[in-house]
Amino acid sequence: MATKPRRAKRSRNEPKSSLAISYNEFKEFEGQRYTGMKIGRSHKWYYDQGVWKETKITPDLWQIGYAVTKRRAGRAPEGSGVPVGTAYHWYVVAHQNTTKHSANDYTTSLTGLKFKIAHKRAGSEKWSATPTTQRKRMIMFLQRVIDDLQKQNDSEADHVRSRDKSERRTRRTEGTAQTIARRPTQRRRVARRTLQRRVRRTV
């Protein structure tokens, strides 16, 4: 049985791919330096069959837990990315929309935002931020989300007020036009009544 040819190992002196170099080089976004994927690009992952657990806390509040292995769709550029063993702490705020199809089956979709709270280097037991700092970062992230939601509400309220004002202006304009249109008819009615009274007096 023929053996499969093995890939030649990359020499330490062999240059990395241009994608790997681009991935690892320093970039800047709004005054903040960072490495990794450029702003605007995206990942695609496939998730194995995971376990989602949820516990009801209040009539509207649930505590959730989800554990699964995710796998990249495609392959990472060779030589790019952080070392194996690196860990991340993300905070997720999302919409989960579900539709019931049977007693035990639902379709579900998740859309939202995730924010990096901290990371832990491979081989280290120490996170990049203390628990206190991590909570501060979560508060900052949630405050941004709240501010964005408030701006959306304010913008929608301004739109409704502007629409209502326009509708009132239109109704006033239409009412004025109808009044003007009725005036000749009213004058004719007054003139007819005046003439009728004069004829009665003459008779």
Foldseek 3Di string as FASTA:
>chain_A
DDDDDDDDDDDPPDDFDPQQVQQADWDDDPRDIDHGDDPPDDWDKDWDDKDKDWDDDDPPDIDIDIDTDIGGDDDDRPNHDADPQKFWDKDWDWDKDWDDDDPPDIDIDIDGDIDTLWMDHHPDPDIPDDPVSSVVVVVVVVVVVVVVVVVVVVVVVVVVVVVVVVVVVVVVVVVVVVVVVCVVVVVVVVVVVVVVVVVVVVD
